[in-house]
Amino acid sequence: MMGYRNRAIAILLALAGIFLPGLHKFYLRQPLWGGVYLLLGLLFSTTPHGSLGSVARIACVIEAVWYLFQGADAFDATFNPEIRAAVPKLTASRLEESTQ
């Protein structure tokens, strides 16, 4: 088991992407995308093509907002699949069984 990924931490790291893009991607076990964001954000911000660095930073903010408005269940389904698999869903039939 890899460990639980907290949505609040992912949001904070995505917002930190304004200064250092890609941290949230590394946290969410997406190192390839983290590297892409980091390269775009740092490498291209010091070149004449600085707009590419801005794209990475804007993407970080958009993803922070997305994680914020995404429900906890949807976030867990995407980034914590092993946790969701370990906790069985409470279906109507199971609910009836547990109340009897």
PDB file of N, CA and C in Angstrom:
ATOM      1  N   MET A   1       0.847  -1.184   0.000  1.00  0.00           N
ATOM      2  CA  MET A   1       0.000   0.000   0.000  1.00  0.00           C
ATOM      3  C   MET A   1       0.888   1.241   0.000  1.00  0.00           C
ATOM      4  N   MET A   2       0.571   2.187  -0.854  1.00  0.00           N
ATOM      5  CA  MET A   2       1.414   3.357  -1.058  1.00  0.00           C
ATOM      6  C   MET A   2       1.159   4.472  -0.052  1.00  0.00           C
ATOM      7  N   GLY A   3       0.005   4.531   0.523  1.00  0.00           N
ATOM      8  CA  GLY A   3      -0.297   5.606   1.460  1.00  0.00           C
ATOM      9  C   GLY A   3      -1.408   6.492   0.943  1.00  0.00           C
ATOM     10  N   TYR A   4      -2.116   7.061   1.868  1.00  0.00           N
ATOM     11  CA  TYR A   4      -3.267   7.899   1.553  1.00  0.00           C
ATOM     12  C   TYR A   4      -2.819   9.266   1.057  1.00  0.00           C
ATOM     13  N   ARG A   5      -3.432   9.757   0.006  1.00  0.00           N
ATOM     14  CA  ARG A   5      -3.167  11.092  -0.524  1.00  0.00           C
ATOM     15  C   ARG A   5      -4.301  12.011  -0.087  1.00  0.00           C
ATOM     16  N   ASN A   6      -3.944  13.045   0.658  1.00  0.00           N
ATOM     17  CA  ASN A   6      -4.910  13.971   1.235  1.00  0.00           C
ATOM     18  C   ASN A   6      -5.265  15.051   0.221  1.00  0.00           C
ATOM     19  N   ARG A   7      -6.559  15.297   0.052  1.00  0.00           N
ATOM     20  CA  ARG A   7      -7.017  16.285  -0.927  1.00  0.00           C
ATOM     21  C   ARG A   7      -6.572  17.694  -0.550  1.00  0.00           C
ATOM     22  N   ALA A   8      -6.620  18.050   0.727  1.00  0.00           N
ATOM     23  CA  ALA A   8      -6.221  19.397   1.159  1.00  0.00           C
ATOM     24  C   ALA A   8      -4.742  19.652   0.861  1.00  0.00           C
ATOM     25  N   ILE A   9      -3.911  18.648   1.082  1.00  0.00           N
ATOM     26  CA  ILE A   9      -2.484  18.807   0.790  1.00  0.00           C
ATOM     27  C   ILE A   9      -2.273  18.949  -0.712  1.00  0.00           C
ATOM     28  N   ALA A  10      -3.021  18.180  -1.503  1.00  0.00           N
ATOM     29  CA  ALA A  10      -2.914  18.285  -2.959  1.00  0.00           C
ATOM     30  C   ALA A  10      -3.302  19.685  -3.429  1.00  0.00           C
ATOM     31  N   ILE A  11      -4.336  20.251  -2.820  1.00  0.00           N
ATOM     32  CA  ILE A  11      -4.764  21.607  -3.179  1.00  0.00           C
ATOM     33  C   ILE A  11      -3.678  22.617  -2.830  1.00  0.00           C
ATOM     34  N   LEU A  12      -3.120  22.515  -1.635  1.00  0.00           N
ATOM     35  CA  LEU A  12      -2.070  23.453  -1.222  1.00  0.00           C
ATOM     36  C   LEU A  12      -0.832  23.339  -2.109  1.00  0.00           C
ATOM     37  N   LEU A  13      -0.452  22.121  -2.452  1.00  0.00           N
ATOM     38  CA  LEU A  13       0.710  21.937  -3.321  1.00  0.00           C
ATOM     39  C   LEU A  13       0.436  22.456  -4.732  1.00  0.00           C
ATOM     40  N   ALA A  14      -0.800  22.282  -5.202  1.00  0.00           N
ATOM     41  CA  ALA A  14      -1.146  22.815  -6.518  1.00  0.00           C
ATOM     42  C   ALA A  14      -1.085  24.339  -6.506  1.00  0.00           C
ATOM     43  N   LEU A  15      -1.550  24.963  -5.427  1.00  0.00           N
ATOM     44  CA  LEU A  15      -1.456  26.424  -5.322  1.00  0.00           C
ATOM     45  C   LEU A  15      -0.010  26.881  -5.190  1.00  0.00           C
ATOM     46  N   ALA A  16       0.823  26.062  -4.549  1.00  0.00           N
ATOM     47  CA  ALA A  16       2.252  26.378  -4.470  1.00  0.00           C
ATOM     48  C   ALA A  16       2.891  26.325  -5.850  1.00  0.00           C
ATOM     49  N   GLY A  17       2.191  25.707  -6.804  1.00  0.00           N
ATOM     50  CA  GLY A  17       2.663  25.642  -8.180  1.00  0.00           C
ATOM     51  C   GLY A  17       2.785  26.993  -8.845  1.00  0.00           C
ATOM     52  N   ILE A  18       2.236  28.023  -8.235  1.00  0.00           N
ATOM     53  CA  ILE A  18       2.439  29.376  -8.753  1.00  0.00           C
ATOM     54  C   ILE A  18       3.928  29.711  -8.700  1.00  0.00           C
ATOM     55  N   PHE A  19       4.608  29.208  -7.686  1.00  0.00           N
ATOM     56  CA  PHE A  19       6.038  29.469  -7.520  1.00  0.00           C
ATOM     57  C   PHE A  19       6.903  28.305  -7.998  1.00  0.00           C
ATOM     58  N   LEU A  20       6.468  27.085  -7.710  1.00  0.00           N
ATOM     59  CA  LEU A  20       7.230  25.885  -8.079  1.00  0.00           C
ATOM     60  C   LEU A  20       6.252  24.841  -8.628  1.00  0.00           C
ATOM     61  N   PRO A  21       5.969  24.914  -9.927  1.00  0.00           N
ATOM     62  CA  PRO A  21       4.941  24.046 -10.499  1.00  0.00           C
ATOM     63  C   PRO A  21       5.317  22.570 -10.472  1.00  0.00           C
ATOM     64  N   GLY A  22       4.303  21.736 -10.314  1.00  0.00           N
ATOM     65  CA  GLY A  22       4.471  20.297 -10.411  1.00  0.00           C
ATOM     66  C   GLY A  22       4.546  19.545  -9.104  1.00  0.00           C
ATOM     67  N   LEU A  23       4.660  20.235  -7.987  1.00  0.00           N
ATOM     68  CA  LEU A  23       4.790  19.538  -6.703  1.00  0.00           C
ATOM     69  C   LEU A  23       3.592  18.633  -6.427  1.00  0.00           C
ATOM     70  N   HIS A  24       2.398  19.116  -6.756  1.00  0.00           N
ATOM     71  CA  HIS A  24       1.203  18.319  -6.497  1.00  0.00           C
ATOM     72  C   HIS A  24       1.183  17.044  -7.331  1.00  0.00           C
ATOM     73  N   LYS A  25       1.756  17.085  -8.516  1.00  0.00           N
ATOM     74  CA  LYS A  25       1.795  15.893  -9.364  1.00  0.00           C
ATOM     75  C   LYS A  25       2.713  14.830  -8.765  1.00  0.00           C
ATOM     76  N   PHE A  26       3.841  15.253  -8.215  1.00  0.00           N
ATOM     77  CA  PHE A  26       4.715  14.295  -7.539  1.00  0.00           C
ATOM     78  C   PHE A  26       3.998  13.697  -6.329  1.00  0.00           C
ATOM     79  N   TYR A  27       3.293  14.528  -5.585  1.00  0.00           N
ATOM     80  CA  TYR A  27       2.562  14.068  -4.405  1.00  0.00           C
ATOM     81  C   TYR A  27       1.472  13.062  -4.782  1.00  0.00           C
ATOM     82  N   LEU A  28       0.835  13.285  -5.927  1.00  0.00           N
ATOM     83  CA  LEU A  28      -0.265  12.424  -6.362  1.00  0.00           C
ATOM     84  C   LEU A  28       0.214  11.241  -7.203  1.00  0.00           C
ATOM     85  N   ARG A  29       1.498  10.910  -7.083  1.00  0.00           N
ATOM     86  CA  ARG A  29       2.100   9.755  -7.762  1.00  0.00           C
ATOM     87  C   ARG A  29       2.045   9.863  -9.277  1.00  0.00           C
ATOM     88  N   GLN A  30       2.267  11.062  -9.796  1.00  0.00           N
ATOM     89  CA  GLN A  30       2.337  11.275 -11.236  1.00  0.00           C
ATOM     90  C   GLN A  30       3.663  11.967 -11.555  1.00  0.00           C
ATOM     91  N   PRO A  31       4.788  11.253 -11.367  1.00  0.00           N
ATOM     92  CA  PRO A  31       6.096  11.898 -11.497  1.00  0.00           C
ATOM     93  C   PRO A  31       6.408  12.398 -12.904  1.00  0.00           C
ATOM     94  N   LEU A  32       5.896  11.725 -13.925  1.00  0.00           N
ATOM     95  CA  LEU A  32       6.148  12.194 -15.290  1.00  0.00           C
ATOM     96  C   LEU A  32       5.536  13.576 -15.496  1.00  0.00           C
ATOM     97  N   TRP A  33       4.276  13.725 -15.095  1.00  0.00           N
ATOM     98  CA  TRP A  33       3.619  15.025 -15.215  1.00  0.00           C
ATOM     99  C   TRP A  33       4.259  16.064 -14.292  1.00  0.00           C
ATOM    100  N   GLY A  34       4.684  15.629 -13.129  1.00  0.00           N
ATOM    101  CA  GLY A  34       5.387  16.545 -12.231  1.00  0.00           C
ATOM    102  C   GLY A  34       6.639  17.094 -12.883  1.00  0.00           C
ATOM    103  N   GLY A  35       7.383  16.233 -13.556  1.00  0.00           N
ATOM    104  CA  GLY A  35       8.584  16.668 -14.267  1.00  0.00           C
ATOM    105  C   GLY A  35       8.270  17.609 -15.412  1.00  0.00           C
ATOM    106  N   VAL A  36       7.191  17.324 -16.141  1.00  0.00           N
ATOM    107  CA  VAL A  36       6.792  18.201 -17.249  1.00  0.00           C
ATOM    108  C   VAL A  36       6.437  19.587 -16.717  1.00  0.00           C
ATOM    109  N   TYR A  37       5.627  19.635 -15.675  1.00  0.00           N
ATOM    110  CA  TYR A  37       5.241  20.922 -15.082  1.00  0.00           C
ATOM    111  C   TYR A  37       6.477  21.672 -14.583  1.00  0.00           C
ATOM    112  N   LEU A  38       7.356  20.943 -13.914  1.00  0.00           N
ATOM    113  CA  LEU A  38       8.557  21.560 -13.352  1.00  0.00           C
ATOM    114  C   LEU A  38       9.445  22.126 -14.455  1.00  0.00           C
ATOM    115  N   LEU A  39       9.658  21.345 -15.506  1.00  0.00           N
ATOM    116  CA  LEU A  39      10.478  21.828 -16.622  1.00  0.00           C
ATOM    117  C   LEU A  39       9.844  23.029 -17.302  1.00  0.00           C
ATOM    118  N   LEU A  40       8.543  22.937 -17.577  1.00  0.00           N
ATOM    119  CA  LEU A  40       7.865  24.068 -18.210  1.00  0.00           C
ATOM    120  C   LEU A  40       7.910  25.304 -17.328  1.00  0.00           C
ATOM    121  N   GLY A  41       7.668  25.108 -16.053  1.00  0.00           N
ATOM    122  CA  GLY A  41       7.596  26.246 -15.135  1.00  0.00           C
ATOM    123  C   GLY A  41       8.925  26.900 -14.861  1.00  0.00           C
ATOM    124  N   LEU A  42       9.979  26.110 -14.732  1.00  0.00           N
ATOM    125  CA  LEU A  42      11.281  26.675 -14.377  1.00  0.00           C
ATOM    126  C   LEU A  42      12.154  26.959 -15.588  1.00  0.00           C
ATOM    127  N   LEU A  43      12.227  26.014 -16.504  1.00  0.00           N
ATOM    128  CA  LEU A  43      13.116  26.162 -17.649  1.00  0.00           C
ATOM    129  C   LEU A  43      12.639  27.251 -18.594  1.00  0.00           C
ATOM    130  N   PHE A  44      11.351  27.243 -18.899  1.00  0.00           N
ATOM    131  CA  PHE A  44      10.846  28.182 -19.881  1.00  0.00           C
ATOM    132  C   PHE A  44      10.487  29.542 -19.303  1.00  0.00           C
ATOM    133  N   SER A  45      10.508  29.689 -18.003  1.00  0.00           N
ATOM    134  CA  SER A  45      10.204  31.006 -17.438  1.00  0.00           C
ATOM    135  C   SER A  45      11.392  31.948 -17.576  1.00  0.00           C
ATOM    136  N   THR A  46      12.583  31.407 -17.848  1.00  0.00           N
ATOM    137  CA  THR A  46      13.779  32.247 -17.984  1.00  0.00           C
ATOM    138  C   THR A  46      14.202  32.413 -19.436  1.00  0.00           C
ATOM    139  N   THR A  47      13.358  31.990 -20.372  1.00  0.00           N
ATOM    140  CA  THR A  47      13.679  32.113 -21.792  1.00  0.00           C
ATOM    141  C   THR A  47      12.722  33.107 -22.433  1.00  0.00           C
ATOM    142  N   PRO A  48      12.983  33.463 -23.677  1.00  0.00           N
ATOM    143  CA  PRO A  48      12.036  34.352 -24.372  1.00  0.00           C
ATOM    144  C   PRO A  48      10.650  33.734 -24.533  1.00  0.00           C
ATOM    145  N   HIS A  49      10.562  32.411 -24.383  1.00  0.00           N
ATOM    146  CA  HIS A  49       9.269  31.725 -24.483  1.00  0.00           C
ATOM    147  C   HIS A  49       8.666  31.547 -23.091  1.00  0.00           C
ATOM    148  N   GLY A  50       8.697  32.561 -22.302  1.00  0.00           N
ATOM    149  CA  GLY A  50       8.229  32.496 -20.918  1.00  0.00           C
ATOM    150  C   GLY A  50       6.766  32.148 -20.769  1.00  0.00           C
ATOM    151  N   SER A  51       5.995  32.283 -21.854  1.00  0.00           N
ATOM    152  CA  SER A  51       4.573  31.964 -21.768  1.00  0.00           C
ATOM    153  C   SER A  51       4.347  30.484 -21.468  1.00  0.00           C
ATOM    154  N   LEU A  52       5.290  29.614 -21.860  1.00  0.00           N
ATOM    155  CA  LEU A  52       5.152  28.195 -21.535  1.00  0.00           C
ATOM    156  C   LEU A  52       5.235  27.974 -20.027  1.00  0.00           C
ATOM    157  N   GLY A  53       6.080  28.741 -19.357  1.00  0.00           N
ATOM    158  CA  GLY A  53       6.154  28.660 -17.902  1.00  0.00           C
ATOM    159  C   GLY A  53       4.867  29.126 -17.257  1.00  0.00           C
ATOM    160  N   SER A  54       4.245  30.131 -17.858  1.00  0.00           N
ATOM    161  CA  SER A  54       2.968  30.626 -17.341  1.00  0.00           C
ATOM    162  C   SER A  54       1.868  29.589 -17.508  1.00  0.00           C
ATOM    163  N   VAL A  55       1.921  28.834 -18.594  1.00  0.00           N
ATOM    164  CA  VAL A  55       0.914  27.795 -18.827  1.00  0.00           C
ATOM    165  C   VAL A  55       0.951  26.766 -17.700  1.00  0.00           C
ATOM    166  N   ALA A  56       2.142  26.359 -17.293  1.00  0.00           N
ATOM    167  CA  ALA A  56       2.273  25.383 -16.206  1.00  0.00           C
ATOM    168  C   ALA A  56       1.718  25.948 -14.904  1.00  0.00           C
ATOM    169  N   ARG A  57       1.985  27.209 -14.642  1.00  0.00           N
ATOM    170  CA  ARG A  57       1.499  27.825 -13.404  1.00  0.00           C
ATOM    171  C   ARG A  57      -0.029  27.964 -13.409  1.00  0.00           C
ATOM    172  N   ILE A  58      -0.571  28.358 -14.553  1.00  0.00           N
ATOM    173  CA  ILE A  58      -2.024  28.483 -14.674  1.00  0.00           C
ATOM    174  C   ILE A  58      -2.684  27.111 -14.534  1.00  0.00           C
ATOM    175  N   ALA A  59      -2.067  26.086 -15.125  1.00  0.00           N
ATOM    176  CA  ALA A  59      -2.601  24.722 -15.005  1.00  0.00           C
ATOM    177  C   ALA A  59      -2.627  24.279 -13.547  1.00  0.00           C
ATOM    178  N   CYS A  60      -1.621  24.661 -12.781  1.00  0.00           N
ATOM    179  CA  CYS A  60      -1.590  24.311 -11.354  1.00  0.00           C
ATOM    180  C   CYS A  60      -2.763  24.939 -10.610  1.00  0.00           C
ATOM    181  N   VAL A  61      -3.044  26.193 -10.899  1.00  0.00           N
ATOM    182  CA  VAL A  61      -4.157  26.877 -10.236  1.00  0.00           C
ATOM    183  C   VAL A  61      -5.489  26.240 -10.641  1.00  0.00           C
ATOM    184  N   ILE A  62      -5.625  25.926 -11.928  1.00  0.00           N
ATOM    185  CA  ILE A  62      -6.856  25.288 -12.400  1.00  0.00           C
ATOM    186  C   ILE A  62      -7.052  23.940 -11.709  1.00  0.00           C
ATOM    187  N   GLU A  63      -5.974  23.174 -11.574  1.00  0.00           N
ATOM    188  CA  GLU A  63      -6.091  21.880 -10.909  1.00  0.00           C
ATOM    189  C   GLU A  63      -6.395  22.035  -9.419  1.00  0.00           C
ATOM    190  N   ALA A  64      -5.878  23.078  -8.786  1.00  0.00           N
ATOM    191  CA  ALA A  64      -6.200  23.329  -7.378  1.00  0.00           C
ATOM    192  C   ALA A  64      -7.698  23.579  -7.223  1.00  0.00           C
ATOM    193  N   VAL A  65      -8.262  24.372  -8.122  1.00  0.00           N
ATOM    194  CA  VAL A  65      -9.701  24.651  -8.079  1.00  0.00           C
ATOM    195  C   VAL A  65     -10.487  23.370  -8.363  1.00  0.00           C
ATOM    196  N   TRP A  66     -10.004  22.579  -9.307  1.00  0.00           N
ATOM    197  CA  TRP A  66     -10.665  21.311  -9.630  1.00  0.00           C
ATOM    198  C   TRP A  66     -10.676  20.382  -8.416  1.00  0.00           C
ATOM    199  N   TYR A  67      -9.546  20.237  -7.742  1.00  0.00           N
ATOM    200  CA  TYR A  67      -9.487  19.383  -6.552  1.00  0.00           C
ATOM    201  C   TYR A  67     -10.393  19.927  -5.450  1.00  0.00           C
ATOM    202  N   LEU A  68     -10.483  21.254  -5.350  1.00  0.00           N
ATOM    203  CA  LEU A  68     -11.306  21.881  -4.317  1.00  0.00           C
ATOM    204  C   LEU A  68     -12.786  21.549  -4.508  1.00  0.00           C
ATOM    205  N   PHE A  69     -13.254  21.626  -5.747  1.00  0.00           N
ATOM    206  CA  PHE A  69     -14.675  21.403  -6.010  1.00  0.00           C
ATOM    207  C   PHE A  69     -15.012  19.944  -6.291  1.00  0.00           C
ATOM    208  N   GLN A  70     -13.996  19.127  -6.434  1.00  0.00           N
ATOM    209  CA  GLN A  70     -14.211  17.697  -6.631  1.00  0.00           C
ATOM    210  C   GLN A  70     -14.589  17.077  -5.287  1.00  0.00           C
ATOM    211  N   GLY A  71     -15.540  16.204  -5.289  1.00  0.00           N
ATOM    212  CA  GLY A  71     -15.937  15.553  -4.047  1.00  0.00           C
ATOM    213  C   GLY A  71     -14.842  14.637  -3.524  1.00  0.00           C
ATOM    214  N   ALA A  72     -14.902  14.356  -2.235  1.00  0.00           N
ATOM    215  CA  ALA A  72     -13.898  13.488  -1.614  1.00  0.00           C
ATOM    216  C   ALA A  72     -13.926  12.093  -2.224  1.00  0.00           C
ATOM    217  N   ASP A  73     -15.125  11.597  -2.540  1.00  0.00           N
ATOM    218  CA  ASP A  73     -15.225  10.268  -3.145  1.00  0.00           C
ATOM    219  C   ASP A  73     -14.572  10.235  -4.523  1.00  0.00           C
ATOM    220  N   ALA A  74     -14.809  11.262  -5.322  1.00  0.00           N
ATOM    221  CA  ALA A  74     -14.212  11.312  -6.661  1.00  0.00           C
ATOM    222  C   ALA A  74     -12.693  11.447  -6.571  1.00  0.00           C
ATOM    223  N   PHE A  75     -12.219  12.251  -5.630  1.00  0.00           N
ATOM    224  CA  PHE A  75     -10.771  12.405  -5.447  1.00  0.00           C
ATOM    225  C   PHE A  75     -10.150  11.076  -5.037  1.00  0.00           C
ATOM    226  N   ASP A  76     -10.775  10.400  -4.083  1.00  0.00           N
ATOM    227  CA  ASP A  76     -10.254   9.109  -3.627  1.00  0.00           C
ATOM    228  C   ASP A  76     -10.294   8.063  -4.735  1.00  0.00           C
ATOM    229  N   ALA A  77     -11.343   8.084  -5.544  1.00  0.00           N
ATOM    230  CA  ALA A  77     -11.434   7.121  -6.646  1.00  0.00           C
ATOM    231  C   ALA A  77     -10.291   7.317  -7.632  1.00  0.00           C
ATOM    232  N   THR A  78      -9.874   8.558  -7.822  1.00  0.00           N
ATOM    233  CA  THR A  78      -8.803   8.848  -8.767  1.00  0.00           C
ATOM    234  C   THR A  78      -7.426   8.642  -8.160  1.00  0.00           C
ATOM    235  N   PHE A  79      -7.198   9.152  -6.963  1.00  0.00           N
ATOM    236  CA  PHE A  79      -5.846   9.202  -6.410  1.00  0.00           C
ATOM    237  C   PHE A  79      -5.597   8.238  -5.252  1.00  0.00           C
ATOM    238  N   ASN A  80      -6.640   7.608  -4.734  1.00  0.00           N
ATOM    239  CA  ASN A  80      -6.499   6.629  -3.648  1.00  0.00           C
ATOM    240  C   ASN A  80      -7.273   5.354  -3.974  1.00  0.00           C
ATOM    241  N   PRO A  81      -7.032   4.752  -5.132  1.00  0.00           N
ATOM    242  CA  PRO A  81      -7.847   3.584  -5.501  1.00  0.00           C
ATOM    243  C   PRO A  81      -7.672   2.401  -4.553  1.00  0.00           C
ATOM    244  N   GLU A  82      -6.481   2.244  -3.969  1.00  0.00           N
ATOM    245  CA  GLU A  82      -6.268   1.108  -3.067  1.00  0.00           C
ATOM    246  C   GLU A  82      -7.038   1.282  -1.761  1.00  0.00           C
ATOM    247  N   ILE A  83      -7.254   2.517  -1.352  1.00  0.00           N
ATOM    248  CA  ILE A  83      -8.042   2.782  -0.142  1.00  0.00           C
ATOM    249  C   ILE A  83      -9.512   2.467  -0.417  1.00  0.00           C
ATOM    250  N   ARG A  84     -10.001   2.903  -1.556  1.00  0.00           N
ATOM    251  CA  ARG A  84     -11.399   2.651  -1.905  1.00  0.00           C
ATOM    252  C   ARG A  84     -11.663   1.164  -2.071  1.00  0.00           C
ATOM    253  N   ALA A  85     -10.688   0.428  -2.595  1.00  0.00           N
ATOM    254  CA  ALA A  85     -10.869  -1.013  -2.783  1.00  0.00           C
ATOM    255  C   ALA A  85     -10.917  -1.736  -1.436  1.00  0.00           C
ATOM    256  N   ALA A  86     -10.231  -1.199  -0.451  1.00  0.00           N
ATOM    257  CA  ALA A  86     -10.187  -1.839   0.867  1.00  0.00           C
ATOM    258  C   ALA A  86     -11.458  -1.603   1.667  1.00  0.00           C
ATOM    259  N   VAL A  87     -12.195  -0.546   1.345  1.00  0.00           N
ATOM    260  CA  VAL A  87     -13.423  -0.210   2.072  1.00  0.00           C
ATOM    261  C   VAL A  87     -14.611  -0.564   1.187  1.00  0.00           C
ATOM    262  N   PRO A  88     -15.382  -1.587   1.540  1.00  0.00           N
ATOM    263  CA  PRO A  88     -16.517  -1.980   0.693  1.00  0.00           C
ATOM    264  C   PRO A  88     -17.615  -0.922   0.725  1.00  0.00           C
ATOM    265  N   LYS A  89     -18.292  -0.795  -0.415  1.00  0.00           N
ATOM    266  CA  LYS A  89     -19.401   0.154  -0.483  1.00  0.00           C
ATOM    267  C   LYS A  89     -20.578  -0.376   0.328  1.00  0.00           C
ATOM    268  N   LEU A  90     -21.298   0.543   0.930  1.00  0.00           N
ATOM    269  CA  LEU A  90     -22.486   0.184   1.701  1.00  0.00           C
ATOM    270  C   LEU A  90     -23.683   0.251   0.753  1.00  0.00           C
ATOM    271  N   THR A  91     -24.106  -0.888   0.285  1.00  0.00           N
ATOM    272  CA  THR A  91     -25.242  -0.949  -0.626  1.00  0.00           C
ATOM    273  C   THR A  91     -26.526  -1.043   0.178  1.00  0.00           C
ATOM    274  N   ALA A  92     -27.643  -0.914  -0.520  1.00  0.00           N
ATOM    275  CA  ALA A  92     -28.938  -0.972   0.156  1.00  0.00           C
ATOM    276  C   ALA A  92     -29.141  -2.325   0.827  1.00  0.00           C
ATOM    277  N   SER A  93     -28.713  -3.406   0.166  1.00  0.00           N
ATOM    278  CA  SER A  93     -28.901  -4.733   0.768  1.00  0.00           C
ATOM    279  C   SER A  93     -28.022  -4.901   2.006  1.00  0.00           C
ATOM    280  N   ARG A  94     -26.804  -4.373   1.964  1.00  0.00           N
ATOM    281  CA  ARG A  94     -25.932  -4.451   3.141  1.00  0.00           C
ATOM    282  C   ARG A  94     -26.470  -3.593   4.277  1.00  0.00           C
ATOM    283  N   LEU A  95     -27.065  -2.473   3.923  1.00  0.00           N
ATOM    284  CA  LEU A  95     -27.642  -1.603   4.937  1.00  0.00           C
ATOM    285  C   LEU A  95     -28.793  -2.316   5.645  1.00  0.00           C
ATOM    286  N   GLU A  96     -29.621  -3.007   4.876  1.00  0.00           N
ATOM    287  CA  GLU A  96     -30.729  -3.758   5.474  1.00  0.00           C
ATOM    288  C   GLU A  96     -30.208  -4.866   6.380  1.00  0.00           C
ATOM    289  N   GLU A  97     -29.142  -5.554   5.929  1.00  0.00           N
ATOM    290  CA  GLU A  97     -28.566  -6.634   6.732  1.00  0.00           C
ATOM    291  C   GLU A  97     -27.995  -6.109   8.044  1.00  0.00           C
ATOM    292  N   SER A  98     -27.378  -4.948   7.990  1.00  0.00           N
ATOM    293  CA  SER A  98     -26.738  -4.415   9.192  1.00  0.00           C
ATOM    294  C   SER A  98     -27.741  -3.878  10.201  1.00  0.00           C
ATOM    295  N   THR A  99     -28.942  -3.525   9.749  1.00  0.00           N
ATOM    296  CA  THR A  99     -29.946  -2.996  10.675  1.00  0.00           C
ATOM    297  C   THR A  99     -30.806  -4.096  11.277  1.00  0.00           C
ATOM    298  N   GLN A 100     -30.693  -5.299  10.757  1.00  0.00           N
ATOM    299  CA  GLN A 100     -31.523  -6.401  11.281  1.00  0.00           C
ATOM    300  C   GLN A 100     -30.838  -7.149  12.372  1.00  0.00           C
TER     301      GLN A 100
END
